[in-house]
Amino acid sequence: MPKPSDLLQGTLDLLILKTIAREPVHGWGIAKRIQLLSGDILSVGQGSLYPALHRLEQQGWIQADWKESDLGRAAKFYALTRDGRKQLERELRSWERLSSAVQLLIESA
């Protein structure tokens, strides 16, 4: 069985964009939400998450602001930009095409 990190290859941007689409979230919160909503099947390590967040910010798809977290400490909260919402839609369409193609292969084999 593949490791959860193997399954994230190529889908991490989609997962991050979808996770912060509802409201701004700090990095640790993004990782925990992905893990929780996937039923503990997916986990994103810091070594993958933070470089991805940095890359998404550089591409203009997310923006970061320092705010106080639930624990009373300053944390960087990430939110989608207008371009980020457009990219999320593109990522979702791409994922739907890919998952449909995989499903066709599975059903025909």
PDB file of N, CA and C in Angstrom:
ATOM      1  N   MET A   1       0.846  -1.190   0.000  1.00  0.00           N
ATOM      2  CA  MET A   1       0.000   0.000   0.000  1.00  0.00           C
ATOM      3  C   MET A   1       0.887   1.247   0.000  1.00  0.00           C
ATOM      4  N   PRO A   2       0.563   2.243  -0.839  1.00  0.00           N
ATOM      5  CA  PRO A   2       1.401   3.438  -0.890  1.00  0.00           C
ATOM      6  C   PRO A   2       1.308   4.247   0.400  1.00  0.00           C
ATOM      7  N   LYS A   3       2.366   4.963   0.703  1.00  0.00           N
ATOM      8  CA  LYS A   3       2.363   5.853   1.856  1.00  0.00           C
ATOM      9  C   LYS A   3       1.485   7.058   1.517  1.00  0.00           C
ATOM     10  N   PRO A   4       0.828   7.659   2.540  1.00  0.00           N
ATOM     11  CA  PRO A   4       0.002   8.843   2.258  1.00  0.00           C
ATOM     12  C   PRO A   4       0.757   9.942   1.528  1.00  0.00           C
ATOM     13  N   SER A   5       2.039  10.121   1.830  1.00  0.00           N
ATOM     14  CA  SER A   5       2.790  11.185   1.169  1.00  0.00           C
ATOM     15  C   SER A   5       2.914  10.926  -0.330  1.00  0.00           C
ATOM     16  N   ASP A   6       2.966   9.653  -0.734  1.00  0.00           N
ATOM     17  CA  ASP A   6       3.020   9.324  -2.155  1.00  0.00           C
ATOM     18  C   ASP A   6       1.743   9.768  -2.870  1.00  0.00           C
ATOM     19  N   LEU A   7       0.628   9.646  -2.180  1.00  0.00           N
ATOM     20  CA  LEU A   7      -0.651  10.009  -2.776  1.00  0.00           C
ATOM     21  C   LEU A   7      -0.769  11.518  -2.964  1.00  0.00           C
ATOM     22  N   LEU A   8      -0.046  12.284  -2.166  1.00  0.00           N
ATOM     23  CA  LEU A   8      -0.135  13.731  -2.252  1.00  0.00           C
ATOM     24  C   LEU A   8       0.662  14.307  -3.410  1.00  0.00           C
ATOM     25  N   GLN A   9       1.584  13.534  -3.929  1.00  0.00           N
ATOM     26  CA  GLN A   9       2.427  14.039  -5.012  1.00  0.00           C
ATOM     27  C   GLN A   9       1.550  14.557  -6.150  1.00  0.00           C
ATOM     28  N   GLY A  10       1.683  15.820  -6.467  1.00  0.00           N
ATOM     29  CA  GLY A  10       0.910  16.385  -7.560  1.00  0.00           C
ATOM     30  C   GLY A  10      -0.457  16.915  -7.159  1.00  0.00           C
ATOM     31  N   THR A  11      -0.905  16.658  -5.940  1.00  0.00           N
ATOM     32  CA  THR A  11      -2.216  17.137  -5.516  1.00  0.00           C
ATOM     33  C   THR A  11      -2.135  18.080  -4.325  1.00  0.00           C
ATOM     34  N   LEU A  12      -0.934  18.326  -3.836  1.00  0.00           N
ATOM     35  CA  LEU A  12      -0.781  19.152  -2.643  1.00  0.00           C
ATOM     36  C   LEU A  12      -1.318  20.564  -2.850  1.00  0.00           C
ATOM     37  N   ASP A  13      -1.045  21.171  -4.006  1.00  0.00           N
ATOM     38  CA  ASP A  13      -1.564  22.519  -4.261  1.00  0.00           C
ATOM     39  C   ASP A  13      -3.083  22.535  -4.171  1.00  0.00           C
ATOM     40  N   LEU A  14      -3.717  21.566  -4.793  1.00  0.00           N
ATOM     41  CA  LEU A  14      -5.178  21.471  -4.753  1.00  0.00           C
ATOM     42  C   LEU A  14      -5.677  21.353  -3.316  1.00  0.00           C
ATOM     43  N   LEU A  15      -5.055  20.480  -2.537  1.00  0.00           N
ATOM     44  CA  LEU A  15      -5.487  20.276  -1.152  1.00  0.00           C
ATOM     45  C   LEU A  15      -5.331  21.546  -0.322  1.00  0.00           C
ATOM     46  N   ILE A  16      -4.237  22.244  -0.512  1.00  0.00           N
ATOM     47  CA  ILE A  16      -4.015  23.482   0.244  1.00  0.00           C
ATOM     48  C   ILE A  16      -5.026  24.545  -0.177  1.00  0.00           C
ATOM     49  N   LEU A  17      -5.175  24.758  -1.474  1.00  0.00           N
ATOM     50  CA  LEU A  17      -6.107  25.781  -1.956  1.00  0.00           C
ATOM     51  C   LEU A  17      -7.528  25.489  -1.492  1.00  0.00           C
ATOM     52  N   LYS A  18      -7.940  24.242  -1.560  1.00  0.00           N
ATOM     53  CA  LYS A  18      -9.286  23.863  -1.137  1.00  0.00           C
ATOM     54  C   LYS A  18      -9.461  24.048   0.368  1.00  0.00           C
ATOM     55  N   THR A  19      -8.417  23.738   1.119  1.00  0.00           N
ATOM     56  CA  THR A  19      -8.485  23.845   2.575  1.00  0.00           C
ATOM     57  C   THR A  19      -8.656  25.282   3.042  1.00  0.00           C
ATOM     58  N   ILE A  20      -8.003  26.217   2.368  1.00  0.00           N
ATOM     59  CA  ILE A  20      -8.104  27.618   2.810  1.00  0.00           C
ATOM     60  C   ILE A  20      -9.180  28.402   2.065  1.00  0.00           C
ATOM     61  N   ALA A  21      -9.929  27.738   1.194  1.00  0.00           N
ATOM     62  CA  ALA A  21     -10.961  28.437   0.409  1.00  0.00           C
ATOM     63  C   ALA A  21     -12.050  29.020   1.305  1.00  0.00           C
ATOM     64  N   ARG A  22     -12.357  28.351   2.397  1.00  0.00           N
ATOM     65  CA  ARG A  22     -13.444  28.792   3.270  1.00  0.00           C
ATOM     66  C   ARG A  22     -13.051  29.960   4.160  1.00  0.00           C
ATOM     67  N   GLU A  23     -11.843  29.879   4.728  1.00  0.00           N
ATOM     68  CA  GLU A  23     -11.379  30.924   5.634  1.00  0.00           C
ATOM     69  C   GLU A  23      -9.862  30.854   5.760  1.00  0.00           C
ATOM     70  N   PRO A  24      -9.222  31.963   6.127  1.00  0.00           N
ATOM     71  CA  PRO A  24      -7.775  31.940   6.326  1.00  0.00           C
ATOM     72  C   PRO A  24      -7.385  30.972   7.449  1.00  0.00           C
ATOM     73  N   VAL A  25      -6.294  30.262   7.230  1.00  0.00           N
ATOM     74  CA  VAL A  25      -5.835  29.250   8.191  1.00  0.00           C
ATOM     75  C   VAL A  25      -4.314  29.311   8.258  1.00  0.00           C
ATOM     76  N   HIS A  26      -3.765  29.059   9.452  1.00  0.00           N
ATOM     77  CA  HIS A  26      -2.310  29.006   9.584  1.00  0.00           C
ATOM     78  C   HIS A  26      -1.804  27.639   9.139  1.00  0.00           C
ATOM     79  N   GLY A  27      -0.502  27.534   8.914  1.00  0.00           N
ATOM     80  CA  GLY A  27       0.094  26.319   8.360  1.00  0.00           C
ATOM     81  C   GLY A  27      -0.253  25.050   9.117  1.00  0.00           C
ATOM     82  N   TRP A  28      -0.082  25.072  10.437  1.00  0.00           N
ATOM     83  CA  TRP A  28      -0.391  23.881  11.232  1.00  0.00           C
ATOM     84  C   TRP A  28      -1.872  23.523  11.094  1.00  0.00           C
ATOM     85  N   GLY A  29      -2.734  24.547  11.046  1.00  0.00           N
ATOM     86  CA  GLY A  29      -4.168  24.319  10.884  1.00  0.00           C
ATOM     87  C   GLY A  29      -4.501  23.689   9.543  1.00  0.00           C
ATOM     88  N   ILE A  30      -3.763  24.070   8.495  1.00  0.00           N
ATOM     89  CA  ILE A  30      -3.968  23.478   7.170  1.00  0.00           C
ATOM     90  C   ILE A  30      -3.649  21.992   7.217  1.00  0.00           C
ATOM     91  N   ALA A  31      -2.503  21.658   7.798  1.00  0.00           N
ATOM     92  CA  ALA A  31      -2.096  20.250   7.897  1.00  0.00           C
ATOM     93  C   ALA A  31      -3.101  19.449   8.708  1.00  0.00           C
ATOM     94  N   LYS A  32      -3.549  19.992   9.836  1.00  0.00           N
ATOM     95  CA  LYS A  32      -4.504  19.274  10.696  1.00  0.00           C
ATOM     96  C   LYS A  32      -5.853  19.103   9.996  1.00  0.00           C
ATOM     97  N   ARG A  33      -6.307  20.136   9.279  1.00  0.00           N
ATOM     98  CA  ARG A  33      -7.598  20.052   8.592  1.00  0.00           C
ATOM     99  C   ARG A  33      -7.561  18.993   7.490  1.00  0.00           C
ATOM    100  N   ILE A  34      -6.462  18.936   6.730  1.00  0.00           N
ATOM    101  CA  ILE A  34      -6.322  17.914   5.685  1.00  0.00           C
ATOM    102  C   ILE A  34      -6.361  16.528   6.319  1.00  0.00           C
ATOM    103  N   GLN A  35      -5.651  16.363   7.415  1.00  0.00           N
ATOM    104  CA  GLN A  35      -5.627  15.070   8.098  1.00  0.00           C
ATOM    105  C   GLN A  35      -7.009  14.713   8.637  1.00  0.00           C
ATOM    106  N   LEU A  36      -7.668  15.650   9.281  1.00  0.00           N
ATOM    107  CA  LEU A  36      -8.987  15.407   9.866  1.00  0.00           C
ATOM    108  C   LEU A  36     -10.030  15.088   8.802  1.00  0.00           C
ATOM    109  N   LEU A  37     -10.093  15.930   7.759  1.00  0.00           N
ATOM    110  CA  LEU A  37     -11.127  15.746   6.734  1.00  0.00           C
ATOM    111  C   LEU A  37     -10.898  14.498   5.874  1.00  0.00           C
ATOM    112  N   SER A  38      -9.672  13.999   5.856  1.00  0.00           N
ATOM    113  CA  SER A  38      -9.392  12.772   5.098  1.00  0.00           C
ATOM    114  C   SER A  38      -9.524  11.528   5.968  1.00  0.00           C
ATOM    115  N   GLY A  39     -10.000  11.695   7.186  1.00  0.00           N
ATOM    116  CA  GLY A  39     -10.146  10.544   8.075  1.00  0.00           C
ATOM    117  C   GLY A  39      -8.797   9.965   8.486  1.00  0.00           C
ATOM    118  N   ASP A  40      -7.822  10.822   8.668  1.00  0.00           N
ATOM    119  CA  ASP A  40      -6.452  10.437   9.061  1.00  0.00           C
ATOM    120  C   ASP A  40      -5.734   9.613   7.996  1.00  0.00           C
ATOM    121  N   ILE A  41      -6.182   9.667   6.767  1.00  0.00           N
ATOM    122  CA  ILE A  41      -5.513   8.926   5.691  1.00  0.00           C
ATOM    123  C   ILE A  41      -4.388   9.774   5.094  1.00  0.00           C
ATOM    124  N   LEU A  42      -4.626  11.069   4.950  1.00  0.00           N
ATOM    125  CA  LEU A  42      -3.619  11.953   4.369  1.00  0.00           C
ATOM    126  C   LEU A  42      -2.946  12.762   5.470  1.00  0.00           C
ATOM    127  N   SER A  43      -1.650  12.895   5.365  1.00  0.00           N
ATOM    128  CA  SER A  43      -0.936  13.791   6.275  1.00  0.00           C
ATOM    129  C   SER A  43       0.110  14.543   5.464  1.00  0.00           C
ATOM    130  N   VAL A  44       0.260  15.802   5.800  1.00  0.00           N
ATOM    131  CA  VAL A  44       1.208  16.660   5.099  1.00  0.00           C
ATOM    132  C   VAL A  44       2.258  17.101   6.110  1.00  0.00           C
ATOM    133  N   GLY A  45       3.482  16.724   5.866  1.00  0.00           N
ATOM    134  CA  GLY A  45       4.573  17.113   6.750  1.00  0.00           C
ATOM    135  C   GLY A  45       5.013  18.536   6.499  1.00  0.00           C
ATOM    136  N   GLN A  46       5.674  19.111   7.490  1.00  0.00           N
ATOM    137  CA  GLN A  46       6.153  20.486   7.376  1.00  0.00           C
ATOM    138  C   GLN A  46       7.112  20.657   6.207  1.00  0.00           C
ATOM    139  N   GLY A  47       7.898  19.623   5.924  1.00  0.00           N
ATOM    140  CA  GLY A  47       8.869  19.691   4.842  1.00  0.00           C
ATOM    141  C   GLY A  47       8.231  19.793   3.471  1.00  0.00           C
ATOM    142  N   SER A  48       6.973  19.392   3.357  1.00  0.00           N
ATOM    143  CA  SER A  48       6.230  19.534   2.105  1.00  0.00           C
ATOM    144  C   SER A  48       5.315  20.757   2.141  1.00  0.00           C
ATOM    145  N   LEU A  49       4.675  20.973   3.299  1.00  0.00           N
ATOM    146  CA  LEU A  49       3.671  22.029   3.409  1.00  0.00           C
ATOM    147  C   LEU A  49       4.249  23.429   3.234  1.00  0.00           C
ATOM    148  N   TYR A  50       5.282  23.757   3.989  1.00  0.00           N
ATOM    149  CA  TYR A  50       5.765  25.133   3.971  1.00  0.00           C
ATOM    150  C   TYR A  50       6.416  25.536   2.650  1.00  0.00           C
ATOM    151  N   PRO A  51       7.179  24.660   2.000  1.00  0.00           N
ATOM    152  CA  PRO A  51       7.651  25.029   0.659  1.00  0.00           C
ATOM    153  C   PRO A  51       6.496  25.237  -0.330  1.00  0.00           C
ATOM    154  N   ALA A  52       5.435  24.419  -0.202  1.00  0.00           N
ATOM    155  CA  ALA A  52       4.270  24.578  -1.082  1.00  0.00           C
ATOM    156  C   ALA A  52       3.574  25.906  -0.799  1.00  0.00           C
ATOM    157  N   LEU A  53       3.412  26.256   0.471  1.00  0.00           N
ATOM    158  CA  LEU A  53       2.787  27.534   0.816  1.00  0.00           C
ATOM    159  C   LEU A  53       3.612  28.695   0.265  1.00  0.00           C
ATOM    160  N   HIS A  54       4.911  28.605   0.402  1.00  0.00           N
ATOM    161  CA  HIS A  54       5.788  29.653  -0.123  1.00  0.00           C
ATOM    162  C   HIS A  54       5.641  29.778  -1.645  1.00  0.00           C
ATOM    163  N   ARG A  55       5.609  28.636  -2.325  1.00  0.00           N
ATOM    164  CA  ARG A  55       5.468  28.629  -3.788  1.00  0.00           C
ATOM    165  C   ARG A  55       4.120  29.227  -4.203  1.00  0.00           C
ATOM    166  N   LEU A  56       3.044  28.836  -3.522  1.00  0.00           N
ATOM    167  CA  LEU A  56       1.710  29.354  -3.844  1.00  0.00           C
ATOM    168  C   LEU A  56       1.635  30.862  -3.599  1.00  0.00           C
ATOM    169  N   GLU A  57       2.315  31.318  -2.550  1.00  0.00           N
ATOM    170  CA  GLU A  57       2.344  32.749  -2.258  1.00  0.00           C
ATOM    171  C   GLU A  57       3.113  33.497  -3.352  1.00  0.00           C
ATOM    172  N   GLN A  58       4.233  32.931  -3.783  1.00  0.00           N
ATOM    173  CA  GLN A  58       5.032  33.555  -4.848  1.00  0.00           C
ATOM    174  C   GLN A  58       4.250  33.627  -6.165  1.00  0.00           C
ATOM    175  N   GLN A  59       3.392  32.646  -6.408  1.00  0.00           N
ATOM    176  CA  GLN A  59       2.596  32.634  -7.631  1.00  0.00           C
ATOM    177  C   GLN A  59       1.392  33.569  -7.544  1.00  0.00           C
ATOM    178  N   GLY A  60       1.161  34.136  -6.366  1.00  0.00           N
ATOM    179  CA  GLY A  60       0.062  35.074  -6.188  1.00  0.00           C
ATOM    180  C   GLY A  60      -1.277  34.403  -5.945  1.00  0.00           C
ATOM    181  N   TRP A  61      -1.277  33.118  -5.633  1.00  0.00           N
ATOM    182  CA  TRP A  61      -2.533  32.399  -5.416  1.00  0.00           C
ATOM    183  C   TRP A  61      -3.004  32.444  -3.972  1.00  0.00           C
ATOM    184  N   ILE A  62      -2.078  32.714  -3.060  1.00  0.00           N
ATOM    185  CA  ILE A  62      -2.444  32.897  -1.660  1.00  0.00           C
ATOM    186  C   ILE A  62      -1.707  34.122  -1.140  1.00  0.00           C
ATOM    187  N   GLN A  63      -2.222  34.671  -0.050  1.00  0.00           N
ATOM    188  CA  GLN A  63      -1.533  35.760   0.626  1.00  0.00           C
ATOM    189  C   GLN A  63      -1.474  35.409   2.108  1.00  0.00           C
ATOM    190  N   ALA A  64      -0.478  35.928   2.778  1.00  0.00           N
ATOM    191  CA  ALA A  64      -0.274  35.606   4.183  1.00  0.00           C
ATOM    192  C   ALA A  64      -0.293  36.873   5.022  1.00  0.00           C
ATOM    193  N   ASP A  65      -0.923  36.780   6.172  1.00  0.00           N
ATOM    194  CA  ASP A  65      -0.959  37.877   7.134  1.00  0.00           C
ATOM    195  C   ASP A  65      -0.703  37.308   8.520  1.00  0.00           C
ATOM    196  N   TRP A  66       0.074  38.027   9.301  1.00  0.00           N
ATOM    197  CA  TRP A  66       0.334  37.618  10.679  1.00  0.00           C
ATOM    198  C   TRP A  66      -0.854  38.022  11.545  1.00  0.00           C
ATOM    199  N   LYS A  67      -1.383  37.025  12.292  1.00  0.00           N
ATOM    200  CA  LYS A  67      -2.503  37.255  13.205  1.00  0.00           C
ATOM    201  C   LYS A  67      -2.265  36.426  14.463  1.00  0.00           C
ATOM    202  N   GLU A  68      -3.063  36.686  15.459  1.00  0.00           N
ATOM    203  CA  GLU A  68      -2.975  35.900  16.681  1.00  0.00           C
ATOM    204  C   GLU A  68      -3.747  34.598  16.500  1.00  0.00           C
ATOM    205  N   SER A  69      -3.125  33.483  16.875  1.00  0.00           N
ATOM    206  CA  SER A  69      -3.771  32.178  16.758  1.00  0.00           C
ATOM    207  C   SER A  69      -4.621  31.901  17.996  1.00  0.00           C
ATOM    208  N   ASP A  70      -5.289  30.755  17.999  1.00  0.00           N
ATOM    209  CA  ASP A  70      -6.105  30.332  19.137  1.00  0.00           C
ATOM    210  C   ASP A  70      -5.281  30.239  20.417  1.00  0.00           C
ATOM    211  N   LEU A  71      -4.007  29.962  20.269  1.00  0.00           N
ATOM    212  CA  LEU A  71      -3.127  29.803  21.422  1.00  0.00           C
ATOM    213  C   LEU A  71      -2.553  31.132  21.910  1.00  0.00           C
ATOM    214  N   GLY A  72      -2.960  32.228  21.286  1.00  0.00           N
ATOM    215  CA  GLY A  72      -2.494  33.540  21.695  1.00  0.00           C
ATOM    216  C   GLY A  72      -1.132  33.918  21.146  1.00  0.00           C
ATOM    217  N   ARG A  73      -0.629  33.124  20.218  1.00  0.00           N
ATOM    218  CA  ARG A  73       0.665  33.412  19.589  1.00  0.00           C
ATOM    219  C   ARG A  73       0.446  33.932  18.180  1.00  0.00           C
ATOM    220  N   ALA A  74       1.407  34.704  17.716  1.00  0.00           N
ATOM    221  CA  ALA A  74       1.336  35.181  16.335  1.00  0.00           C
ATOM    222  C   ALA A  74       1.592  34.014  15.385  1.00  0.00           C
ATOM    223  N   ALA A  75       0.798  33.935  14.344  1.00  0.00           N
ATOM    224  CA  ALA A  75       0.956  32.889  13.332  1.00  0.00           C
ATOM    225  C   ALA A  75       0.626  33.487  11.977  1.00  0.00           C
ATOM    226  N   LYS A  76       1.225  32.926  10.955  1.00  0.00           N
ATOM    227  CA  LYS A  76       0.978  33.379   9.589  1.00  0.00           C
ATOM    228  C   LYS A  76      -0.279  32.671   9.079  1.00  0.00           C
ATOM    229  N   PHE A  77      -1.315  33.440   8.774  1.00  0.00           N
ATOM    230  CA  PHE A  77      -2.568  32.890   8.260  1.00  0.00           C
ATOM    231  C   PHE A  77      -2.587  33.080   6.749  1.00  0.00           C
ATOM    232  N   TYR A  78      -2.986  32.024   6.041  1.00  0.00           N
ATOM    233  CA  TYR A  78      -2.991  32.026   4.583  1.00  0.00           C
ATOM    234  C   TYR A  78      -4.421  32.106   4.075  1.00  0.00           C
ATOM    235  N   ALA A  79      -4.624  32.926   3.052  1.00  0.00           N
ATOM    236  CA  ALA A  79      -5.945  33.091   2.435  1.00  0.00           C
ATOM    237  C   ALA A  79      -5.790  33.085   0.918  1.00  0.00           C
ATOM    238  N   LEU A  80      -6.856  32.684   0.227  1.00  0.00           N
ATOM    239  CA  LEU A  80      -6.849  32.694  -1.232  1.00  0.00           C
ATOM    240  C   LEU A  80      -6.960  34.121  -1.758  1.00  0.00           C
ATOM    241  N   THR A  81      -6.277  34.372  -2.835  1.00  0.00           N
ATOM    242  CA  THR A  81      -6.445  35.626  -3.572  1.00  0.00           C
ATOM    243  C   THR A  81      -7.479  35.372  -4.678  1.00  0.00           C
ATOM    244  N   ARG A  82      -7.835  36.411  -5.403  1.00  0.00           N
ATOM    245  CA  ARG A  82      -8.750  36.241  -6.537  1.00  0.00           C
ATOM    246  C   ARG A  82      -8.152  35.266  -7.553  1.00  0.00           C
ATOM    247  N   ASP A  83      -6.851  35.431  -7.846  1.00  0.00           N
ATOM    248  CA  ASP A  83      -6.179  34.499  -8.762  1.00  0.00           C
ATOM    249  C   ASP A  83      -6.133  33.086  -8.181  1.00  0.00           C
ATOM    250  N   GLY A  84      -6.033  33.003  -6.868  1.00  0.00           N
ATOM    251  CA  GLY A  84      -6.031  31.701  -6.210  1.00  0.00           C
ATOM    252  C   GLY A  84      -7.350  30.969  -6.371  1.00  0.00           C
ATOM    253  N   ARG A  85      -8.444  31.707  -6.320  1.00  0.00           N
ATOM    254  CA  ARG A  85      -9.771  31.083  -6.528  1.00  0.00           C
ATOM    255  C   ARG A  85      -9.882  30.550  -7.960  1.00  0.00           C
ATOM    256  N   LYS A  86      -9.352  31.311  -8.911  1.00  0.00           N
ATOM    257  CA  LYS A  86      -9.362  30.845 -10.308  1.00  0.00           C
ATOM    258  C   LYS A  86      -8.496  29.597 -10.455  1.00  0.00           C
ATOM    259  N   GLN A  87      -7.329  29.606  -9.802  1.00  0.00           N
ATOM    260  CA  GLN A  87      -6.443  28.448  -9.868  1.00  0.00           C
ATOM    261  C   GLN A  87      -7.084  27.235  -9.208  1.00  0.00           C
ATOM    262  N   LEU A  88      -7.796  27.441  -8.115  1.00  0.00           N
ATOM    263  CA  LEU A  88      -8.496  26.335  -7.453  1.00  0.00           C
ATOM    264  C   LEU A  88      -9.487  25.698  -8.410  1.00  0.00           C
ATOM    265  N   GLU A  89     -10.216  26.509  -9.154  1.00  0.00           N
ATOM    266  CA  GLU A  89     -11.165  25.968 -10.125  1.00  0.00           C
ATOM    267  C   GLU A  89     -10.446  25.156 -11.201  1.00  0.00           C
ATOM    268  N   ARG A  90      -9.320  25.675 -11.679  1.00  0.00           N
ATOM    269  CA  ARG A  90      -8.534  24.920 -12.671  1.00  0.00           C
ATOM    270  C   ARG A  90      -8.037  23.605 -12.086  1.00  0.00           C
ATOM    271  N   GLU A  91      -7.544  23.652 -10.866  1.00  0.00           N
ATOM    272  CA  GLU A  91      -7.040  22.439 -10.202  1.00  0.00           C
ATOM    273  C   GLU A  91      -8.167  21.415 -10.016  1.00  0.00           C
ATOM    274  N   LEU A  92      -9.345  21.887  -9.641  1.00  0.00           N
ATOM    275  CA  LEU A  92     -10.485  20.978  -9.456  1.00  0.00           C
ATOM    276  C   LEU A  92     -10.891  20.316 -10.767  1.00  0.00           C
ATOM    277  N   ARG A  93     -10.934  21.116 -11.845  1.00  0.00           N
ATOM    278  CA  ARG A  93     -11.267  20.536 -13.154  1.00  0.00           C
ATOM    279  C   ARG A  93     -10.224  19.503 -13.578  1.00  0.00           C
ATOM    280  N   SER A  94      -8.967  19.807 -13.353  1.00  0.00           N
ATOM    281  CA  SER A  94      -7.891  18.881 -13.693  1.00  0.00           C
ATOM    282  C   SER A  94      -7.998  17.599 -12.871  1.00  0.00           C
ATOM    283  N   TRP A  95      -8.281  17.739 -11.574  1.00  0.00           N
ATOM    284  CA  TRP A  95      -8.431  16.568 -10.707  1.00  0.00           C
ATOM    285  C   TRP A  95      -9.610  15.710 -11.160  1.00  0.00           C
ATOM    286  N   GLU A  96     -10.715  16.348 -11.521  1.00  0.00           N
ATOM    287  CA  GLU A  96     -11.888  15.596 -11.978  1.00  0.00           C
ATOM    288  C   GLU A  96     -11.582  14.818 -13.251  1.00  0.00           C
ATOM    289  N   ARG A  97     -10.851  15.430 -14.189  1.00  0.00           N
ATOM    290  CA  ARG A  97     -10.460  14.727 -15.422  1.00  0.00           C
ATOM    291  C   ARG A  97      -9.557  13.541 -15.098  1.00  0.00           C
ATOM    292  N   LEU A  98      -8.562  13.773 -14.248  1.00  0.00           N
ATOM    293  CA  LEU A  98      -7.622  12.711 -13.891  1.00  0.00           C
ATOM    294  C   LEU A  98      -8.325  11.574 -13.160  1.00  0.00           C
ATOM    295  N   SER A  99      -9.134  11.903 -12.168  1.00  0.00           N
ATOM    296  CA  SER A  99      -9.793  10.845 -11.397  1.00  0.00           C
ATOM    297  C   SER A  99     -10.806  10.088 -12.254  1.00  0.00           C
ATOM    298  N   SER A 100     -11.452  10.760 -13.203  1.00  0.00           N
ATOM    299  CA  SER A 100     -12.374  10.077 -14.122  1.00  0.00           C
ATOM    300  C   SER A 100     -11.619   9.110 -15.025  1.00  0.00           C
ATOM    301  N   ALA A 101     -10.459   9.542 -15.509  1.00  0.00           N
ATOM    302  CA  ALA A 101      -9.652   8.669 -16.368  1.00  0.00           C
ATOM    303  C   ALA A 101      -9.165   7.444 -15.602  1.00  0.00           C
ATOM    304  N   VAL A 102      -8.732   7.649 -14.373  1.00  0.00           N
ATOM    305  CA  VAL A 102      -8.286   6.520 -13.546  1.00  0.00           C
ATOM    306  C   VAL A 102      -9.459   5.569 -13.301  1.00  0.00           C
ATOM    307  N   GLN A 103     -10.635   6.121 -13.014  1.00  0.00           N
ATOM    308  CA  GLN A 103     -11.820   5.297 -12.769  1.00  0.00           C
ATOM    309  C   GLN A 103     -12.163   4.483 -14.017  1.00  0.00           C
ATOM    310  N   LEU A 104     -12.073   5.083 -15.196  1.00  0.00           N
ATOM    311  CA  LEU A 104     -12.334   4.347 -16.441  1.00  0.00           C
ATOM    312  C   LEU A 104     -11.366   3.180 -16.598  1.00  0.00           C
ATOM    313  N   LEU A 105     -10.113   3.417 -16.316  1.00  0.00           N
ATOM    314  CA  LEU A 105      -9.112   2.341 -16.401  1.00  0.00           C
ATOM    315  C   LEU A 105      -9.395   1.223 -15.429  1.00  0.00           C
ATOM    316  N   ILE A 106      -9.769   1.573 -14.216  1.00  0.00           N
ATOM    317  CA  ILE A 106     -10.053   0.565 -13.192  1.00  0.00           C
ATOM    318  C   ILE A 106     -11.255  -0.276 -13.596  1.00  0.00           C
ATOM    319  N   GLU A 107     -12.287   0.376 -14.092  1.00  0.00           N
ATOM    320  CA  GLU A 107     -13.509  -0.333 -14.458  1.00  0.00           C
ATOM    321  C   GLU A 107     -13.324  -1.213 -15.699  1.00  0.00           C
ATOM    322  N   SER A 108     -12.433  -0.822 -16.588  1.00  0.00           N
ATOM    323  CA  SER A 108     -12.272  -1.591 -17.819  1.00  0.00           C
ATOM    324  C   SER A 108     -11.244  -2.713 -17.699  1.00  0.00           C
ATOM    325  N   ALA A 109     -10.464  -2.696 -16.675  1.00  0.00           N
ATOM    326  CA  ALA A 109      -9.397  -3.708 -16.520  1.00  0.00           C
ATOM    327  C   ALA A 109      -9.945  -5.027 -15.985  1.00  0.00           C
TER     328      ALA A 109
END
